[in-house]
C-alpha atoms as a PDB file:
ATOM      1  CA  UNK A   1      68.458  -5.581 -32.415  1.00  0.00           C
ATOM      2  CA  UNK A   2      65.133  -4.722 -31.921  1.00  0.00           C
ATOM      3  CA  UNK A   3      63.025  -8.100 -31.145  1.00  0.00           C
ATOM      4  CA  UNK A   4      59.494  -9.279 -30.102  1.00  0.00           C
ATOM      5  CA  UNK A   5      60.481 -10.198 -26.169  1.00  0.00           C
ATOM      6  CA  UNK A   6      58.387 -12.095 -23.768  1.00  0.00           C
ATOM      7  CA  UNK A   7      57.983 -10.525 -20.307  1.00  0.00           C
ATOM      8  CA  UNK A   8      58.436 -11.462 -16.969  1.00  0.00           C
ATOM      9  CA  UNK A   9      54.253 -11.287 -16.733  1.00  0.00           C
ATOM     10  CA  UNK A  10      53.756 -13.992 -19.742  1.00  0.00           C
ATOM     11  CA  UNK A  11      53.331 -10.498 -22.466  1.00  0.00           C
ATOM     12  CA  UNK A  12      55.504 -10.459 -25.397  1.00  0.00           C
ATOM     13  CA  UNK A  13      57.277  -6.220 -26.053  1.00  0.00           C
ATOM     14  CA  UNK A  14      59.287  -5.023 -28.369  1.00  0.00           C
ATOM     15  CA  UNK A  15      62.955  -4.727 -26.994  1.00  0.00           C
ATOM     16  CA  UNK A  16      66.451  -3.625 -27.685  1.00  0.00           C
ATOM     17  CA  UNK A  17      69.199  -6.481 -27.588  1.00  0.00           C
ATOM     18  CA  UNK A  18      71.143  -8.941 -28.278  1.00  0.00           C
ATOM     19  CA  UNK A  19      70.526 -12.257 -27.834  1.00  0.00           C
ATOM     20  CA  UNK A  20      74.405 -13.057 -27.393  1.00  0.00           C
ATOM     21  CA  UNK A  21      74.564 -11.467 -24.270  1.00  0.00           C
ATOM     22  CA  UNK A  22      72.137 -13.405 -22.845  1.00  0.00           C
ATOM     23  CA  UNK A  23      73.472 -16.705 -24.113  1.00  0.00           C
ATOM     24  CA  UNK A  24      77.340 -15.457 -22.546  1.00  0.00           C
ATOM     25  CA  UNK A  25      75.462 -14.567 -19.391  1.00  0.00           C
ATOM     26  CA  UNK A  26      73.560 -18.332 -19.009  1.00  0.00           C
ATOM     27  CA  UNK A  27      77.434 -20.164 -20.496  1.00  0.00           C
ATOM     28  CA  UNK A  28      78.729 -18.930 -17.121  1.00  0.00           C
ATOM     29  CA  UNK A  29      75.731 -19.521 -14.849  1.00  0.00           C
ATOM     30  CA  UNK A  30      76.910 -22.423 -16.130  1.00  0.00           C
ATOM     31  CA  UNK A  31      80.379 -23.144 -15.706  1.00  0.00           C
ATOM     32  CA  UNK A  32      79.882 -22.159 -11.796  1.00  0.00           C
ATOM     33  CA  UNK A  33      77.638 -24.597 -11.314  1.00  0.00           C
ATOM     34  CA  UNK A  34      78.387 -26.815  -8.050  1.00  0.00           C
ATOM     35  CA  UNK A  35      76.913 -29.917  -7.556  1.00  0.00           C
ATOM     36  CA  UNK A  36      76.918 -29.867  -4.014  1.00  0.00           C
ATOM     37  CA  UNK A  37      75.905 -26.160  -3.741  1.00  0.00           C
ATOM     38  CA  UNK A  38      73.201 -28.084  -5.086  1.00  0.00           C
ATOM     39  CA  UNK A  39      72.588 -30.584  -2.990  1.00  0.00           C
ATOM     40  CA  UNK A  40      72.919 -28.116   0.122  1.00  0.00           C
ATOM     41  CA  UNK A  41      70.291 -26.015  -1.623  1.00  0.00           C
ATOM     42  CA  UNK A  42      67.983 -28.426  -2.432  1.00  0.00           C
ATOM     43  CA  UNK A  43      67.604 -29.429   0.798  1.00  0.00           C
ATOM     44  CA  UNK A  44      65.967 -26.223   1.582  1.00  0.00           C
ATOM     45  CA  UNK A  45      64.106 -25.610  -1.207  1.00  0.00           C
ATOM     46  CA  UNK A  46      66.467 -24.209  -3.391  1.00  0.00           C
ATOM     47  CA  UNK A  47      67.094 -25.189  -6.996  1.00  0.00           C
ATOM     48  CA  UNK A  48      70.697 -23.837  -8.396  1.00  0.00           C
ATOM     49  CA  UNK A  49      73.955 -24.949  -7.898  1.00  0.00           C
ATOM     50  CA  UNK A  50      75.671 -21.570  -8.302  1.00  0.00           C
ATOM     51  CA  UNK A  51      77.620 -20.197  -5.275  1.00  0.00           C
ATOM     52  CA  UNK A  52      76.286 -16.424  -4.408  1.00  0.00           C
ATOM     53  CA  UNK A  53      79.615 -14.811  -3.951  1.00  0.00           C
ATOM     54  CA  UNK A  54      80.093 -16.230  -7.505  1.00  0.00           C
ATOM     55  CA  UNK A  55      76.837 -15.057  -8.383  1.00  0.00           C
ATOM     56  CA  UNK A  56      77.309 -11.643  -6.765  1.00  0.00           C
ATOM     57  CA  UNK A  57      80.613 -11.204  -8.729  1.00  0.00           C
ATOM     58  CA  UNK A  58      79.239 -11.764 -11.643  1.00  0.00           C
ATOM     59  CA  UNK A  59      76.668  -9.034 -11.515  1.00  0.00           C
ATOM     60  CA  UNK A  60      78.885  -6.671 -10.179  1.00  0.00           C
ATOM     61  CA  UNK A  61      80.612  -7.214 -13.632  1.00  0.00           C
ATOM     62  CA  UNK A  62      77.383  -6.785 -16.289  1.00  0.00           C
ATOM     63  CA  UNK A  63      76.402  -3.392 -13.527  1.00  0.00           C
ATOM     64  CA  UNK A  64      72.091  -2.835 -14.010  1.00  0.00           C
ATOM     65  CA  UNK A  65      71.195  -3.903 -17.252  1.00  0.00           C
ATOM     66  CA  UNK A  66      67.244  -4.051 -17.167  1.00  0.00           C
ATOM     67  CA  UNK A  67      67.124  -5.722 -20.387  1.00  0.00           C
ATOM     68  CA  UNK A  68      69.292  -8.586 -19.692  1.00  0.00           C
ATOM     69  CA  UNK A  69      67.439  -8.645 -16.186  1.00  0.00           C
ATOM     70  CA  UNK A  70      64.296  -9.129 -17.939  1.00  0.00           C
ATOM     71  CA  UNK A  71      65.923 -12.034 -20.255  1.00  0.00           C
ATOM     72  CA  UNK A  72      67.393 -13.862 -17.251  1.00  0.00           C
ATOM     73  CA  UNK A  73      63.824 -14.182 -15.758  1.00  0.00           C
ATOM     74  CA  UNK A  74      61.850 -15.295 -18.378  1.00  0.00           C
ATOM     75  CA  UNK A  75      63.876 -18.377 -17.848  1.00  0.00           C
ATOM     76  CA  UNK A  76      62.945 -19.726 -15.543  1.00  0.00           C
ATOM     77  CA  UNK A  77      66.495 -21.021 -14.339  1.00  0.00           C
ATOM     78  CA  UNK A  78      67.248 -20.041 -10.723  1.00  0.00           C
ATOM     79  CA  UNK A  79      69.905 -19.178 -10.564  1.00  0.00           C
ATOM     80  CA  UNK A  80      69.001 -16.732 -13.347  1.00  0.00           C
ATOM     81  CA  UNK A  81      66.646 -15.634 -11.974  1.00  0.00           C
ATOM     82  CA  UNK A  82      69.356 -14.583  -8.707  1.00  0.00           C
ATOM     83  CA  UNK A  83      71.212 -13.137 -11.352  1.00  0.00           C
ATOM     84  CA  UNK A  84      68.227 -10.937 -13.142  1.00  0.00           C
ATOM     85  CA  UNK A  85      67.525  -9.575  -9.333  1.00  0.00           C
ATOM     86  CA  UNK A  86      70.978  -7.669  -8.937  1.00  0.00           C
ATOM     87  CA  UNK A  87      71.490  -5.965 -12.432  1.00  0.00           C
ATOM     88  CA  UNK A  88      67.762  -5.077 -12.942  1.00  0.00           C
ATOM     89  CA  UNK A  89      66.522  -1.664 -12.161  1.00  0.00           C
ATOM     90  CA  UNK A  90      63.763  -1.939 -10.130  1.00  0.00           C
ATOM     91  CA  UNK A  91      61.932   0.901 -10.016  1.00  0.00           C
ATOM     92  CA  UNK A  92      61.184   0.092 -13.784  1.00  0.00           C
ATOM     93  CA  UNK A  93      59.202  -2.588 -12.941  1.00  0.00           C
ATOM     94  CA  UNK A  94      55.131  -1.781 -13.306  1.00  0.00           C
ATOM     95  CA  UNK A  95      53.537  -3.064 -10.165  1.00  0.00           C
ATOM     96  CA  UNK A  96      51.410  -6.017 -12.606  1.00  0.00           C
ATOM     97  CA  UNK A  97      54.641  -7.614 -13.515  1.00  0.00           C
ATOM     98  CA  UNK A  98      56.115  -7.507  -9.478  1.00  0.00           C
ATOM     99  CA  UNK A  99      53.243  -9.137  -8.534  1.00  0.00           C
ATOM    100  CA  UNK A 100      53.473 -11.521 -11.623  1.00  0.00           C
ATOM    101  CA  UNK A 101      57.099 -12.254 -11.138  1.00  0.00           C
ATOM    102  CA  UNK A 102      56.125 -13.075  -7.316  1.00  0.00           C
ATOM    103  CA  UNK A 103      53.554 -15.493  -7.959  1.00  0.00           C
ATOM    104  CA  UNK A 104      55.926 -17.231 -10.216  1.00  0.00           C
ATOM    105  CA  UNK A 105      59.287 -16.662  -8.287  1.00  0.00           C
ATOM    106  CA  UNK A 106      58.839 -20.845  -7.131  1.00  0.00           C
ATOM    107  CA  UNK A 107      61.627 -21.135  -4.891  1.00  0.00           C
ATOM    108  CA  UNK A 108      62.202 -19.185  -0.814  1.00  0.00           C
ATOM    109  CA  UNK A 109      65.757 -17.842  -2.453  1.00  0.00           C
ATOM    110  CA  UNK A 110      64.317 -15.614  -5.578  1.00  0.00           C
ATOM    111  CA  UNK A 111      60.790 -14.634  -3.417  1.00  0.00           C
ATOM    112  CA  UNK A 112      63.347 -13.541  -1.022  1.00  0.00           C
ATOM    113  CA  UNK A 113      65.443 -11.614  -3.300  1.00  0.00           C
ATOM    114  CA  UNK A 114      63.253 -10.750  -5.371  1.00  0.00           C
ATOM    115  CA  UNK A 115      60.673  -8.853  -2.392  1.00  0.00           C
ATOM    116  CA  UNK A 116      64.395  -7.558  -0.335  1.00  0.00           C
ATOM    117  CA  UNK A 117      66.320  -6.306  -3.535  1.00  0.00           C
ATOM    118  CA  UNK A 118      63.517  -5.341  -5.640  1.00  0.00           C
ATOM    119  CA  UNK A 119      60.052  -4.881  -5.047  1.00  0.00           C
ATOM    120  CA  UNK A 120      61.243  -2.386  -1.841  1.00  0.00           C
ATOM    121  CA  UNK A 121      62.592  -0.203  -3.733  1.00  0.00           C
ATOM    122  CA  UNK A 122      59.415   0.171  -5.818  1.00  0.00           C
ATOM    123  CA  UNK A 123      57.060   2.760  -5.580  1.00  0.00           C
ATOM    124  CA  UNK A 124      54.621   0.316  -5.742  1.00  0.00           C
ATOM    125  CA  UNK A 125      55.872  -1.319  -2.576  1.00  0.00           C
ATOM    126  CA  UNK A 126      53.733  -0.183  -0.250  1.00  0.00           C
ATOM    127  CA  UNK A 127      50.578  -1.225  -2.554  1.00  0.00           C
ATOM    128  CA  UNK A 128      51.390  -4.508  -3.028  1.00  0.00           C
ATOM    129  CA  UNK A 129      51.856  -5.146   0.832  1.00  0.00           C
ATOM    130  CA  UNK A 130      48.992  -4.185   1.473  1.00  0.00           C
ATOM    131  CA  UNK A 131      47.685  -6.507  -1.251  1.00  0.00           C
ATOM    132  CA  UNK A 132      50.008  -9.223  -0.617  1.00  0.00           C
ATOM    133  CA  UNK A 133      49.010  -9.127   2.892  1.00  0.00           C
ATOM    134  CA  UNK A 134      46.599 -10.854   2.994  1.00  0.00           C
ATOM    135  CA  UNK A 135      46.486 -13.097   0.393  1.00  0.00           C
ATOM    136  CA  UNK A 136      45.016 -16.522   0.146  1.00  0.00           C
ATOM    137  CA  UNK A 137      48.268 -17.654  -1.106  1.00  0.00           C
ATOM    138  CA  UNK A 138      51.123 -18.033   2.127  1.00  0.00           C
ATOM    139  CA  UNK A 139      53.788 -17.605  -0.708  1.00  0.00           C
ATOM    140  CA  UNK A 140      52.711 -14.667  -1.606  1.00  0.00           C
ATOM    141  CA  UNK A 141      51.524 -13.446   1.719  1.00  0.00           C
ATOM    142  CA  UNK A 142      55.190 -14.228   3.340  1.00  0.00           C
ATOM    143  CA  UNK A 143      55.894 -11.102   1.342  1.00  0.00           C
ATOM    144  CA  UNK A 144      53.060  -8.870   2.835  1.00  0.00           C
ATOM    145  CA  UNK A 145      54.755  -9.622   5.819  1.00  0.00           C
ATOM    146  CA  UNK A 146      58.146  -9.483   4.762  1.00  0.00           C
ATOM    147  CA  UNK A 147      57.723  -6.547   3.358  1.00  0.00           C
ATOM    148  CA  UNK A 148      55.411  -5.226   6.773  1.00  0.00           C
ATOM    149  CA  UNK A 149      58.738  -5.746   8.863  1.00  0.00           C
ATOM    150  CA  UNK A 150      60.706  -3.751   6.886  1.00  0.00           C
ATOM    151  CA  UNK A 151      58.114  -1.051   7.750  1.00  0.00           C
ATOM    152  CA  UNK A 152      58.596  -1.568  11.548  1.00  0.00           C
ATOM    153  CA  UNK A 153      62.493  -1.057  11.255  1.00  0.00           C
ATOM    154  CA  UNK A 154      62.729   2.104   8.511  1.00  0.00           C
ATOM    155  CA  UNK A 155      59.159   3.618   8.416  1.00  0.00           C
ATOM    156  CA  UNK A 156      56.337   2.715  11.113  1.00  0.00           C
ATOM    157  CA  UNK A 157      54.120   5.517  10.799  1.00  0.00           C
ATOM    158  CA  UNK A 158      50.568   5.142   9.673  1.00  0.00           C
ATOM    159  CA  UNK A 159      51.150   1.152  10.751  1.00  0.00           C
ATOM    160  CA  UNK A 160      49.142  -0.297  13.101  1.00  0.00           C
ATOM    161  CA  UNK A 161      51.100  -2.232  15.539  1.00  0.00           C
ATOM    162  CA  UNK A 162      48.876  -3.498  18.091  1.00  0.00           C
ATOM    163  CA  UNK A 163      47.031  -4.741  15.016  1.00  0.00           C
ATOM    164  CA  UNK A 164      49.605  -6.404  13.517  1.00  0.00           C
ATOM    165  CA  UNK A 165      50.033  -8.134  17.012  1.00  0.00           C
ATOM    166  CA  UNK A 166      46.776  -9.041  17.115  1.00  0.00           C
ATOM    167  CA  UNK A 167      46.818 -11.066  13.552  1.00  0.00           C
ATOM    168  CA  UNK A 168      50.003 -12.965  14.515  1.00  0.00           C
ATOM    169  CA  UNK A 169      49.061 -14.061  18.269  1.00  0.00           C
ATOM    170  CA  UNK A 170      46.015 -15.475  16.128  1.00  0.00           C
ATOM    171  CA  UNK A 171      47.011 -16.643  13.113  1.00  0.00           C
ATOM    172  CA  UNK A 172      50.621 -17.561  13.675  1.00  0.00           C
ATOM    173  CA  UNK A 173      50.457 -20.989  15.217  1.00  0.00           C
ATOM    174  CA  UNK A 174      48.766 -22.628  12.631  1.00  0.00           C
ATOM    175  CA  UNK A 175      49.886 -20.790   9.712  1.00  0.00           C
ATOM    176  CA  UNK A 176      52.165 -22.623   6.917  1.00  0.00           C
ATOM    177  CA  UNK A 177      56.022 -22.233   6.912  1.00  0.00           C
ATOM    178  CA  UNK A 178      56.803 -20.057   5.345  1.00  0.00           C
ATOM    179  CA  UNK A 179      54.136 -17.065   6.252  1.00  0.00           C
ATOM    180  CA  UNK A 180      54.670 -18.453   9.771  1.00  0.00           C
ATOM    181  CA  UNK A 181      58.576 -17.566   9.353  1.00  0.00           C
ATOM    182  CA  UNK A 182      57.386 -13.810   8.186  1.00  0.00           C
ATOM    183  CA  UNK A 183      55.259 -13.670  11.053  1.00  0.00           C
ATOM    184  CA  UNK A 184      57.404 -14.372  13.623  1.00  0.00           C
ATOM    185  CA  UNK A 185      60.524 -12.158  12.572  1.00  0.00           C
ATOM    186  CA  UNK A 186      57.700  -9.266  12.052  1.00  0.00           C
ATOM    187  CA  UNK A 187      56.886 -10.164  16.031  1.00  0.00           C
ATOM    188  CA  UNK A 188      60.429  -9.811  16.926  1.00  0.00           C
ATOM    189  CA  UNK A 189      60.873  -6.898  14.999  1.00  0.00           C
ATOM    190  CA  UNK A 190      58.546  -4.958  16.529  1.00  0.00           C
ATOM    191  CA  UNK A 191      59.454  -5.795  19.847  1.00  0.00           C
ATOM    192  CA  UNK A 192      63.353  -4.442  19.143  1.00  0.00           C
ATOM    193  CA  UNK A 193      62.176  -1.531  17.763  1.00  0.00           C
ATOM    194  CA  UNK A 194      59.142  -0.758  19.774  1.00  0.00           C
ATOM    195  CA  UNK A 195      59.909  -1.036  23.598  1.00  0.00           C
ATOM    196  CA  UNK A 196      56.113   0.023  24.250  1.00  0.00           C
ATOM    197  CA  UNK A 197      55.372  -2.640  22.718  1.00  0.00           C
ATOM    198  CA  UNK A 198      58.344  -5.206  23.536  1.00  0.00           C
ATOM    199  CA  UNK A 199      56.327  -7.207  26.462  1.00  0.00           C
ATOM    200  CA  UNK A 200      53.116  -7.598  24.441  1.00  0.00           C
ATOM    201  CA  UNK A 201      55.573  -9.429  21.759  1.00  0.00           C
ATOM    202  CA  UNK A 202      57.285 -10.991  24.340  1.00  0.00           C
ATOM    203  CA  UNK A 203      54.373 -12.500  25.903  1.00  0.00           C
ATOM    204  CA  UNK A 204      52.955 -13.584  22.352  1.00  0.00           C
ATOM    205  CA  UNK A 205      56.474 -15.261  21.899  1.00  0.00           C
ATOM    206  CA  UNK A 206      56.084 -17.013  25.319  1.00  0.00           C
ATOM    207  CA  UNK A 207      52.912 -18.368  24.550  1.00  0.00           C
ATOM    208  CA  UNK A 208      52.826 -19.418  20.688  1.00  0.00           C
ATOM    209  CA  UNK A 209      56.924 -20.727  21.368  1.00  0.00           C
ATOM    210  CA  UNK A 210      56.867 -21.034  17.571  1.00  0.00           C
ATOM    211  CA  UNK A 211      60.221 -22.217  16.764  1.00  0.00           C
ATOM    212  CA  UNK A 212      61.337 -22.361  20.270  1.00  0.00           C
ATOM    213  CA  UNK A 213      62.961 -25.372  18.793  1.00  0.00           C
ATOM    214  CA  UNK A 214      64.444 -24.534  15.676  1.00  0.00           C
ATOM    215  CA  UNK A 215      67.890 -25.304  15.369  1.00  0.00           C
ATOM    216  CA  UNK A 216      70.735 -22.648  15.299  1.00  0.00           C
ATOM    217  CA  UNK A 217      73.862 -22.433  14.719  1.00  0.00           C
ATOM    218  CA  UNK A 218      76.421 -21.892  17.582  1.00  0.00           C
ATOM    219  CA  UNK A 219      77.579 -17.736  17.349  1.00  0.00           C
ATOM    220  CA  UNK A 220      73.746 -17.086  15.351  1.00  0.00           C
ATOM    221  CA  UNK A 221      70.858 -15.676  17.279  1.00  0.00           C
ATOM    222  CA  UNK A 222      67.713 -18.271  18.074  1.00  0.00           C
ATOM    223  CA  UNK A 223      64.708 -17.063  15.879  1.00  0.00           C
ATOM    224  CA  UNK A 224      61.977 -17.908  18.852  1.00  0.00           C
ATOM    225  CA  UNK A 225      61.401 -14.399  19.469  1.00  0.00           C
ATOM    226  CA  UNK A 226      61.659 -13.731  22.563  1.00  0.00           C
ATOM    227  CA  UNK A 227      65.746 -14.929  23.209  1.00  0.00           C
ATOM    228  CA  UNK A 228      65.602 -13.049  19.252  1.00  0.00           C
ATOM    229  CA  UNK A 229      64.346  -9.407  21.120  1.00  0.00           C
ATOM    230  CA  UNK A 230      65.963  -9.969  24.030  1.00  0.00           C
ATOM    231  CA  UNK A 231      69.337 -10.176  22.276  1.00  0.00           C
ATOM    232  CA  UNK A 232      68.751  -7.709  20.003  1.00  0.00           C
ATOM    233  CA  UNK A 233      68.470  -5.388  22.627  1.00  0.00           C
ATOM    234  CA  UNK A 234      71.302  -6.431  24.789  1.00  0.00           C
ATOM    235  CA  UNK A 235      73.439  -5.636  21.722  1.00  0.00           C
ATOM    236  CA  UNK A 236      71.802  -2.291  20.964  1.00  0.00           C
ATOM    237  CA  UNK A 237      72.312  -1.247  25.045  1.00  0.00           C
ATOM    238  CA  UNK A 238      75.729  -2.724  25.108  1.00  0.00           C
END
């Protein structure tokens, strides 16, 4: 069936698909809703009550369905958007649509999954990284730092690592929470991956003391950069 559909950036387009498919998936998501999970997630700023293992199992069964993903995203429901991230085709999104999706994502889990599962695989990832890194919206900027951290670990050629450390040293302590967290992750990743910058990364962490007192569950590594760096380097050295 052919119909007019609202795209993720608010525009409309003619697409093919069945409305019943979306309705059926929404019904399944409703059946997976758990009040206790929603309560726990709400404490972290998230808006869904679906077990993520069950959500991944549903995505595995659905497989890649890009048009369904677009329909799920448009609903605005957090669980539906997480599922959309898992069943979409990342390389099929135009640059401006990804930008609009991030700005409208609203909740931390949806933002993180969108960046970590979709944007990183997009041919527009580097352009968006550079654009988002200096965005006035701290949540958008945090996505730019997340993409930068990915490059620090996987494709550092061409990155100005000393320059990134300069920015982190100057701005991280006063940054809003999500941006601060993303910058701290980048600081730690530079120290972990690049021995020539490790001493400076540790020194910055020790001076700024960001997340030094962050509650850390037993058997987890502290997000405090000096501890994080030391532990990951120790593991790699055996």
